[in-house]
Amino acid sequence: MLALWRYNLRSLWVRRTTTLATTGGIALVVFVLAASRMLASGMRQTVSSSGSPDQALVMEHDAWSEGQSRIDHSVAGLVAAAPGVRRDADGQALITAESVVQMMLPSLTDKTRISTLQVRGVSANVFQLRPEVRVIDGRPIRSGTEEALVGKALVGRYPGLRIGEQIELGPSRRPTVVGVFASGGSSYESEIWVDLETVRSAFSLEANISSITAQLESPSKLDGFAEPLTADKQTGLSVASESAYYKKVSQGLPDVITILGVVETLIFSIGAVLGAMITMHASVAQRSREIGVLRALGFGRLQILTAFVVESVALGLGGALCGALLSLITPLLEFRCLNFATGQELAFRFTPTLRDLGLAVAAGAVVGGLGGLLPALRAARISPVQAMRA
């Protein structure tokens, strides 16, 4: 049986032109499937790395996102006094007030494209509550000054977002970029950070803020922390953990990418299966005498069927491995899309996983096997007598 399989596999090299064409089609199927799943994994990683379960986000009760929330600045005192808030060595509550707004900027790479970027007005202690954020170029902003930090996913892609340049927030507000920050691939890297008072003044939000973030003693303290804040209907507040908030506002994005990838894969798979089927049918037709000889030598129909299916699966695996290797280039690329829940454009990376690559390779093998099934049945039915007469 092994000799029969070696014969079938050698025939792939003999017919290398059609083999390469079919392999290319299967490689395309695997590439699309692997890339879409890697992008979805990158989106999930970006979402999961944004926010922390031991930090609570306080917003307006009917606001879906921070950009839609407007609460009175005096609420900060209520949040600081709520139970379960962690305090520093001086006994001060670890909370930070922020204002979140959107601004439109043209892309430097595509002048016809306008992007919505998120500007976050931050307080002086923002790095204390977000230790995962670090300045990788330049320096942090000084409180009370018109300075800005830019997430590394935005640097050089839009006008004014390089160190030393100015961002036009309003007619009289042009903060200067003094640094670039990274946050482990989270959605913060797609934001512009400016001093809180500068943002409030530029967007006429002097009486309001968007949210207050409080660091809790532990995630289990969330309910006790939220109870006094949400009980007072006059303040109109909602409370959620940061991780739950970011999961909520980003829900559906990875699923949409996965579904689109599967749909595209199915469309390409039909073509790849037909290509493999045509290749294998041609192979069977050209080798009918050889198949007749194999039957005359004692190889049964089931053995012939199995050998041709193995040949087709090998063809599929060859294309699958090529497509999987090609998909490993995608982590060098960056994908951008608009999060409709927040109105913010986010940057995502393709994140390869063994599970996604393995699934894509298995899909390629299945495509090859399906394409070779009917030709294998045809080969198994060939009569040795008729084949020798042909």
Protein backbone atom coordinates (compact mmCIF):
# COMPACT_ATOMS: atom_id res chain seq x y z
CA MET A 1 0.00 0.00 0.00
CA LEU A 2 2.88 2.37 0.78
CA ALA A 3 4.30 1.73 -2.69
CA LEU A 4 0.95 2.72 -4.18
CA TRP A 5 0.90 5.94 -2.16
CA ARG A 6 4.46 6.79 -3.27
CA TYR A 7 3.38 6.28 -6.86
CA ASN A 8 0.48 8.70 -6.40
CA LEU A 9 2.59 11.34 -4.68
CA ARG A 10 5.28 11.15 -7.42
CA SER A 11 2.58 11.82 -9.98
CA LEU A 12 1.99 15.24 -8.40
CA TRP A 13 5.51 16.24 -9.41
CA VAL A 14 5.07 14.83 -12.89
CA ARG A 15 2.02 17.08 -13.32
CA ARG A 16 3.67 20.02 -11.55
CA THR A 17 2.05 22.75 -13.67
CA THR A 18 -1.50 21.78 -12.76
CA THR A 19 -0.34 20.85 -9.26
CA LEU A 20 1.03 24.35 -8.68
CA ALA A 21 -2.14 25.98 -10.04
CA THR A 22 -4.35 23.93 -7.73
CA THR A 23 -1.98 24.49 -4.80
CA GLY A 24 -2.21 28.24 -5.37
CA GLY A 25 -6.01 28.16 -5.16
CA ILE A 26 -5.96 26.19 -1.93
CA ALA A 27 -3.23 28.47 -0.55
CA LEU A 28 -5.53 31.46 -1.16
CA VAL A 29 -8.33 29.77 0.79
CA VAL A 30 -6.05 29.04 3.73
CA PHE A 31 -4.53 32.54 3.66
CA VAL A 32 -7.95 34.24 3.82
CA LEU A 33 -9.16 32.00 6.63
CA ALA A 34 -5.95 32.29 8.66
CA ALA A 35 -5.67 36.06 8.18
CA SER A 36 -9.28 36.73 9.20
CA ARG A 37 -8.94 34.61 12.33
CA MET A 38 -5.61 36.24 13.19
CA LEU A 39 -7.20 39.67 12.82
CA ALA A 40 -10.11 38.66 15.05
CA SER A 41 -7.61 37.37 17.62
CA GLY A 42 -5.76 40.69 17.43
CA MET A 43 -8.98 42.58 18.01
CA ARG A 44 -9.82 40.45 21.04
CA GLN A 45 -6.33 41.01 22.41
CA THR A 46 -6.64 44.77 21.94
CA VAL A 47 -9.98 44.79 23.74
CA SER A 48 -8.86 42.50 26.57
CA SER A 49 -5.73 44.58 27.21
CA SER A 50 -7.78 47.78 27.56
CA GLY A 51 -8.95 48.41 31.08
CA SER A 52 -8.54 46.43 34.28
CA PRO A 53 -11.01 44.37 36.34
CA ASP A 54 -9.89 46.09 39.56
CA GLN A 55 -10.70 49.57 38.24
CA ALA A 56 -14.22 50.99 38.02
CA LEU A 57 -15.50 53.42 35.44
CA VAL A 58 -18.18 55.91 36.49
CA MET A 59 -20.24 57.54 33.71
CA GLU A 60 -23.63 59.07 32.99
CA HIS A 61 -26.27 56.40 33.50
CA ASP A 62 -27.65 56.35 29.93
CA ALA A 63 -24.35 56.85 28.09
CA TRP A 64 -23.12 53.93 25.97
CA SER A 65 -19.54 55.22 25.79
CA GLU A 66 -17.29 57.77 27.47
CA GLY A 67 -17.59 60.14 24.53
CA GLN A 68 -21.37 60.34 25.07
CA SER A 69 -21.15 60.77 28.83
CA ARG A 70 -21.38 64.13 30.59
CA ILE A 71 -21.33 64.30 34.39
CA ASP A 72 -20.73 67.12 36.82
CA HIS A 73 -17.16 67.44 38.07
CA SER A 74 -18.45 67.45 41.65
CA VAL A 75 -19.20 63.74 41.29
CA ALA A 76 -15.48 63.16 41.83
CA GLY A 77 -16.00 63.83 45.55
CA LEU A 78 -18.72 61.18 45.75
CA VAL A 79 -16.53 58.65 43.95
CA ALA A 80 -13.58 59.36 46.27
CA ALA A 81 -15.81 58.76 49.32
CA ALA A 82 -17.36 55.52 47.99
CA PRO A 83 -16.44 52.26 49.79
CA GLY A 84 -13.77 50.00 48.32
CA VAL A 85 -11.63 52.72 46.71
CA ARG A 86 -7.90 52.11 47.06
CA ARG A 87 -5.88 54.89 48.68
CA ASP A 88 -2.24 55.89 48.35
CA ALA A 89 0.31 56.28 51.14
CA ASP A 90 -1.04 59.76 51.91
CA GLY A 91 -4.60 58.49 52.24
CA GLN A 92 -5.76 60.05 48.96
CA ALA A 93 -8.31 58.13 46.91
CA LEU A 94 -6.87 56.75 43.66
CA ILE A 95 -9.31 58.25 41.18
CA THR A 96 -8.86 60.24 38.00
CA ALA A 97 -11.34 62.41 36.11
CA GLU A 98 -11.27 62.50 32.30
CA SER A 99 -13.05 64.14 29.38
CA VAL A 100 -13.34 62.21 26.10
CA VAL A 101 -14.16 63.87 22.78
CA GLN A 102 -13.73 63.08 19.09
CA MET A 103 -12.02 65.14 16.42
CA MET A 104 -11.73 64.71 12.65
CA LEU A 105 -8.36 64.64 10.90
CA PRO A 106 -7.39 63.82 7.31
CA SER A 107 -5.05 60.91 6.71
CA LEU A 108 -1.54 61.76 5.50
CA THR A 109 -1.45 58.61 3.37
CA ASP A 110 -4.86 59.18 1.78
CA LYS A 111 -5.88 62.84 1.51
CA THR A 112 -9.48 61.92 0.66
CA ARG A 113 -9.94 59.93 3.86
CA ILE A 114 -11.13 61.61 7.07
CA SER A 115 -10.68 59.70 10.32
CA THR A 116 -12.34 60.12 13.69
CA LEU A 117 -9.76 60.18 16.47
CA GLN A 118 -10.41 60.11 20.20
CA VAL A 119 -8.96 62.85 22.40
CA ARG A 120 -8.76 62.08 26.11
CA GLY A 121 -8.35 64.89 28.62
CA VAL A 122 -6.32 63.39 31.45
CA SER A 123 -5.45 64.39 35.00
CA ALA A 124 -1.97 64.54 36.51
CA ASN A 125 -2.24 61.09 38.09
CA VAL A 126 -3.24 59.23 34.92
CA PHE A 127 -0.06 57.13 34.86
CA GLN A 128 -0.62 56.12 38.47
CA LEU A 129 -3.97 54.55 37.58
CA ARG A 130 -2.76 53.17 34.24
CA PRO A 131 0.69 51.71 34.96
CA GLU A 132 0.60 49.73 31.70
CA VAL A 133 0.95 53.01 29.79
CA ARG A 134 4.51 54.22 29.30
CA VAL A 135 6.10 57.05 27.35
CA ILE A 136 8.37 55.54 24.69
CA ASP A 137 9.53 58.77 23.06
CA GLY A 138 9.73 62.30 24.41
CA ARG A 139 8.31 63.05 27.86
CA PRO A 140 4.96 63.12 29.73
CA ILE A 141 2.77 66.21 29.58
CA ARG A 142 2.95 68.73 32.40
CA SER A 143 -0.30 69.43 34.20
CA GLY A 144 -1.84 72.80 33.38
CA THR A 145 0.02 73.23 30.11
CA GLU A 146 -1.06 72.97 26.48
CA GLU A 147 0.85 69.77 25.74
CA ALA A 148 -0.20 66.44 24.26
CA LEU A 149 0.81 62.79 24.13
CA VAL A 150 0.08 60.68 21.06
CA GLY A 151 -0.54 56.92 21.03
CA LYS A 152 2.06 55.10 18.95
CA ALA A 153 -0.61 53.81 16.52
CA LEU A 154 -1.28 57.40 15.39
CA VAL A 155 2.25 58.80 15.02
CA GLY A 156 2.91 60.18 11.56
CA ARG A 157 -0.43 59.08 10.14
CA TYR A 158 -2.25 62.38 10.64
CA PRO A 159 -1.16 66.03 10.52
CA GLY A 160 0.21 67.44 13.76
CA LEU A 161 0.78 64.07 15.44
CA ARG A 162 4.57 64.09 15.65
CA ILE A 163 6.72 65.34 18.50
CA GLY A 164 7.17 69.09 18.18
CA GLU A 165 4.04 69.58 16.06
CA GLN A 166 0.77 71.12 17.21
CA ILE A 167 -2.74 69.69 17.29
CA GLU A 168 -5.53 72.13 16.51
CA LEU A 169 -8.26 71.44 19.07
CA GLY A 170 -9.87 74.82 18.59
CA PRO A 171 -9.20 78.37 17.37
CA SER A 172 -7.15 79.22 20.47
CA ARG A 173 -6.11 75.76 21.62
CA ARG A 174 -3.13 74.18 19.86
CA PRO A 175 -1.34 71.85 22.26
CA THR A 176 2.18 70.77 21.29
CA VAL A 177 3.01 67.07 21.06
CA VAL A 178 5.78 66.33 23.59
CA GLY A 179 5.74 62.54 23.68
CA VAL A 180 4.55 59.21 22.32
CA PHE A 181 3.11 56.49 24.54
CA ALA A 182 2.45 52.75 24.29
CA SER A 183 0.06 50.62 26.32
CA GLY A 184 0.75 47.02 25.36
CA GLY A 185 -1.36 47.12 22.21
CA SER A 186 -4.55 48.35 23.90
CA SER A 187 -7.03 50.80 22.38
CA TYR A 188 -5.33 53.67 24.26
CA GLU A 189 -2.63 53.57 21.58
CA SER A 190 -5.21 54.99 19.15
CA GLU A 191 -5.86 58.04 21.35
CA ILE A 192 -4.47 61.54 21.87
CA TRP A 193 -3.95 62.53 25.50
CA VAL A 194 -4.13 66.20 26.47
CA ASP A 195 -4.34 67.98 29.83
CA LEU A 196 -7.89 67.77 31.19
CA GLU A 197 -8.43 71.51 31.55
CA THR A 198 -7.18 72.14 28.02
CA VAL A 199 -9.72 69.71 26.57
CA ARG A 200 -12.57 71.07 28.67
CA SER A 201 -11.79 74.62 27.58
CA ALA A 202 -11.27 73.76 23.89
CA PHE A 203 -14.59 71.90 23.63
CA SER A 204 -16.62 74.10 26.00
CA LEU A 205 -16.96 71.40 28.66
CA GLU A 206 -15.90 73.50 31.67
CA ALA A 207 -18.82 72.29 33.79
CA ASN A 208 -18.59 68.63 32.85
CA ILE A 209 -16.35 65.61 32.57
CA SER A 210 -16.92 62.34 30.75
CA SER A 211 -15.92 59.77 33.32
CA ILE A 212 -14.14 59.04 36.56
CA THR A 213 -11.89 56.02 36.94
CA ALA A 214 -11.39 54.62 40.43
CA GLN A 215 -8.90 51.97 41.45
CA LEU A 216 -10.55 49.46 43.77
CA GLU A 217 -9.02 47.45 46.57
CA SER A 218 -10.03 44.33 44.63
CA PRO A 219 -12.48 43.39 41.84
CA SER A 220 -14.83 41.96 44.48
CA LYS A 221 -15.38 45.47 45.85
CA LEU A 222 -17.14 46.63 42.69
CA ASP A 223 -20.72 46.03 43.87
CA GLY A 224 -20.16 47.75 47.20
CA PHE A 225 -18.47 50.66 45.42
CA ALA A 226 -21.32 51.03 42.91
CA GLU A 227 -24.23 50.80 45.35
CA PRO A 228 -24.13 54.35 46.85
CA LEU A 229 -23.31 55.92 43.50
CA THR A 230 -26.11 54.31 41.51
CA ALA A 231 -28.69 54.49 44.32
CA ASP A 232 -28.98 58.28 44.03
CA LYS A 233 -31.08 58.77 40.89
CA GLN A 234 -30.42 62.51 40.90
CA THR A 235 -26.76 62.06 40.04
CA GLY A 236 -27.68 59.63 37.22
CA LEU A 237 -24.55 57.51 37.34
CA SER A 238 -23.63 54.08 36.03
CA VAL A 239 -20.71 51.98 37.22
CA ALA A 240 -18.86 49.14 35.49
CA SER A 241 -15.43 47.61 35.66
CA GLU A 242 -13.04 48.99 33.05
CA SER A 243 -12.55 45.59 31.45
CA ALA A 244 -16.32 45.06 31.19
CA TYR A 245 -16.77 48.52 29.67
CA TYR A 246 -14.19 47.99 26.91
CA LYS A 247 -15.59 44.56 26.16
CA LYS A 248 -19.07 46.09 25.82
CA VAL A 249 -18.10 48.93 23.49
CA SER A 250 -16.06 46.61 21.29
CA GLN A 251 -18.44 43.67 21.21
CA GLY A 252 -19.16 42.35 17.76
CA LEU A 253 -16.04 43.67 16.01
CA PRO A 254 -14.07 40.39 16.18
CA ASP A 255 -17.21 38.40 15.35
CA VAL A 256 -17.92 40.49 12.25
CA ILE A 257 -14.37 39.98 10.97
CA THR A 258 -14.59 36.23 11.65
CA ILE A 259 -17.93 35.92 9.83
CA LEU A 260 -16.68 37.90 6.82
CA GLY A 261 -13.57 35.74 6.72
CA VAL A 262 -15.60 32.54 6.81
CA VAL A 263 -17.90 33.78 4.02
CA GLU A 264 -14.92 34.70 1.83
CA THR A 265 -13.29 31.37 2.63
CA LEU A 266 -16.41 29.46 1.57
CA ILE A 267 -16.54 31.37 -1.71
CA PHE A 268 -12.87 30.71 -2.48
CA SER A 269 -13.24 27.11 -1.28
CA ILE A 270 -15.80 26.37 -3.98
CA GLY A 271 -13.30 27.45 -6.62
CA ALA A 272 -10.47 25.54 -4.95
CA VAL A 273 -12.53 22.34 -4.71
CA LEU A 274 -13.46 22.61 -8.38
CA GLY A 275 -9.81 23.23 -9.25
CA ALA A 276 -8.67 20.19 -7.29
CA MET A 277 -11.47 18.11 -8.85
CA ILE A 278 -10.47 19.12 -12.40
CA THR A 279 -6.82 18.39 -11.66
CA MET A 280 -7.58 14.95 -10.23
CA HIS A 281 -10.05 14.07 -13.02
CA ALA A 282 -7.37 14.90 -15.58
CA SER A 283 -4.91 12.78 -13.65
CA VAL A 284 -7.25 9.81 -13.60
CA ALA A 285 -7.94 10.15 -17.33
CA GLN A 286 -4.23 10.30 -18.18
CA ARG A 287 -3.35 7.37 -15.94
CA SER A 288 -6.21 5.01 -16.74
CA ARG A 289 -3.84 2.38 -18.18
CA GLU A 290 -1.58 2.65 -15.12
CA ILE A 291 -4.61 2.23 -12.88
CA GLY A 292 -5.63 -0.82 -14.90
CA VAL A 293 -2.15 -2.30 -14.38
CA LEU A 294 -2.42 -1.63 -10.63
CA ARG A 295 -5.77 -3.41 -10.56
CA ALA A 296 -4.30 -6.33 -12.50
CA LEU A 297 -1.46 -6.54 -9.98
CA GLY A 298 -3.99 -7.16 -7.26
CA PHE A 299 -4.73 -3.74 -5.81
CA GLY A 300 -8.40 -3.57 -4.86
CA ARG A 301 -10.88 -0.79 -5.49
CA LEU A 302 -10.72 0.43 -1.89
CA GLN A 303 -6.93 0.68 -2.09
CA ILE A 304 -7.11 2.64 -5.34
CA LEU A 305 -9.78 4.92 -3.84
CA THR A 306 -7.70 5.50 -0.70
CA ALA A 307 -4.53 6.18 -2.69
CA PHE A 308 -6.15 8.86 -4.86
CA VAL A 309 -7.79 10.51 -1.84
CA VAL A 310 -4.38 10.57 -0.13
CA GLU A 311 -2.92 12.18 -3.26
CA SER A 312 -5.62 14.85 -3.22
CA VAL A 313 -5.21 15.49 0.52
CA ALA A 314 -1.46 15.84 0.00
CA LEU A 315 -2.20 18.39 -2.72
CA GLY A 316 -4.43 20.24 -0.28
CA LEU A 317 -1.84 20.11 2.51
CA GLY A 318 0.82 21.51 0.20
CA GLY A 319 -1.39 24.48 -0.64
CA ALA A 320 -2.45 24.83 2.99
CA LEU A 321 1.13 25.05 4.23
CA CYS A 322 1.94 27.68 1.59
CA GLY A 323 -1.12 29.72 2.60
CA ALA A 324 -0.30 29.41 6.30
CA LEU A 325 3.29 30.53 5.75
CA LEU A 326 2.06 33.47 3.67
CA SER A 327 -0.36 34.49 6.44
CA LEU A 328 2.58 34.86 8.85
CA ILE A 329 3.48 38.06 7.00
CA THR A 330 0.26 39.75 8.18
CA PRO A 331 1.55 40.59 11.71
CA LEU A 332 3.79 43.12 9.95
CA LEU A 333 0.65 44.92 8.76
CA GLU A 334 -1.78 47.11 10.66
CA PHE A 335 -5.55 47.10 10.22
CA ARG A 336 -7.74 50.09 11.05
CA CYS A 337 -11.49 50.26 11.42
CA LEU A 338 -14.10 52.46 13.03
CA ASN A 339 -15.63 51.32 16.29
CA PHE A 340 -19.21 52.46 15.76
CA ALA A 341 -19.99 52.20 19.48
CA THR A 342 -17.46 54.89 20.38
CA GLY A 343 -17.00 56.66 17.04
CA GLN A 344 -13.25 56.08 17.37
CA GLU A 345 -10.94 54.69 14.73
CA LEU A 346 -8.86 51.87 16.21
CA ALA A 347 -5.66 50.21 15.04
CA PHE A 348 -5.38 46.43 15.31
CA ARG A 349 -2.61 43.92 14.71
CA PHE A 350 -2.89 40.44 13.21
CA THR A 351 -2.12 38.00 16.03
CA PRO A 352 -1.16 34.47 14.93
CA THR A 353 -2.04 31.52 17.15
CA LEU A 354 -1.31 27.84 16.71
CA ARG A 355 -5.02 27.12 16.92
CA ASP A 356 -5.90 29.46 14.05
CA LEU A 357 -3.04 28.24 11.87
CA GLY A 358 -3.89 24.61 12.59
CA LEU A 359 -7.56 25.19 11.73
CA ALA A 360 -6.63 26.90 8.47
CA VAL A 361 -4.25 24.09 7.45
CA ALA A 362 -6.90 21.48 8.29
CA ALA A 363 -9.39 23.41 6.15
CA GLY A 364 -6.94 23.27 3.23
CA ALA A 365 -6.58 19.51 3.62
CA VAL A 366 -10.36 19.11 3.66
CA VAL A 367 -10.68 21.21 0.50
CA GLY A 368 -8.12 18.99 -1.22
CA GLY A 369 -9.85 15.83 -0.01
CA LEU A 370 -13.27 16.98 -1.20
CA GLY A 371 -11.85 17.93 -4.59
CA GLY A 372 -10.33 14.50 -5.05
CA LEU A 373 -13.21 12.37 -3.78
CA LEU A 374 -15.19 12.05 -7.03
CA PRO A 375 -12.07 11.46 -9.19
CA ALA A 376 -10.95 8.80 -6.68
CA LEU A 377 -14.31 7.03 -7.01
CA ARG A 378 -13.92 7.16 -10.78
CA ALA A 379 -10.44 5.66 -10.53
CA ALA A 380 -11.67 2.89 -8.24
CA ARG A 381 -14.33 1.88 -10.80
CA ILE A 382 -11.90 1.48 -13.70
CA SER A 383 -11.94 -2.04 -15.07
CA PRO A 384 -8.45 -3.47 -15.61
CA VAL A 385 -9.50 -5.20 -18.86
CA GLN A 386 -11.05 -2.04 -20.38
CA ALA A 387 -8.11 0.08 -19.24
CA MET A 388 -5.59 -2.20 -20.94
CA ARG A 389 -7.60 -2.11 -24.21
CA ALA A 390 -7.82 1.68 -24.25
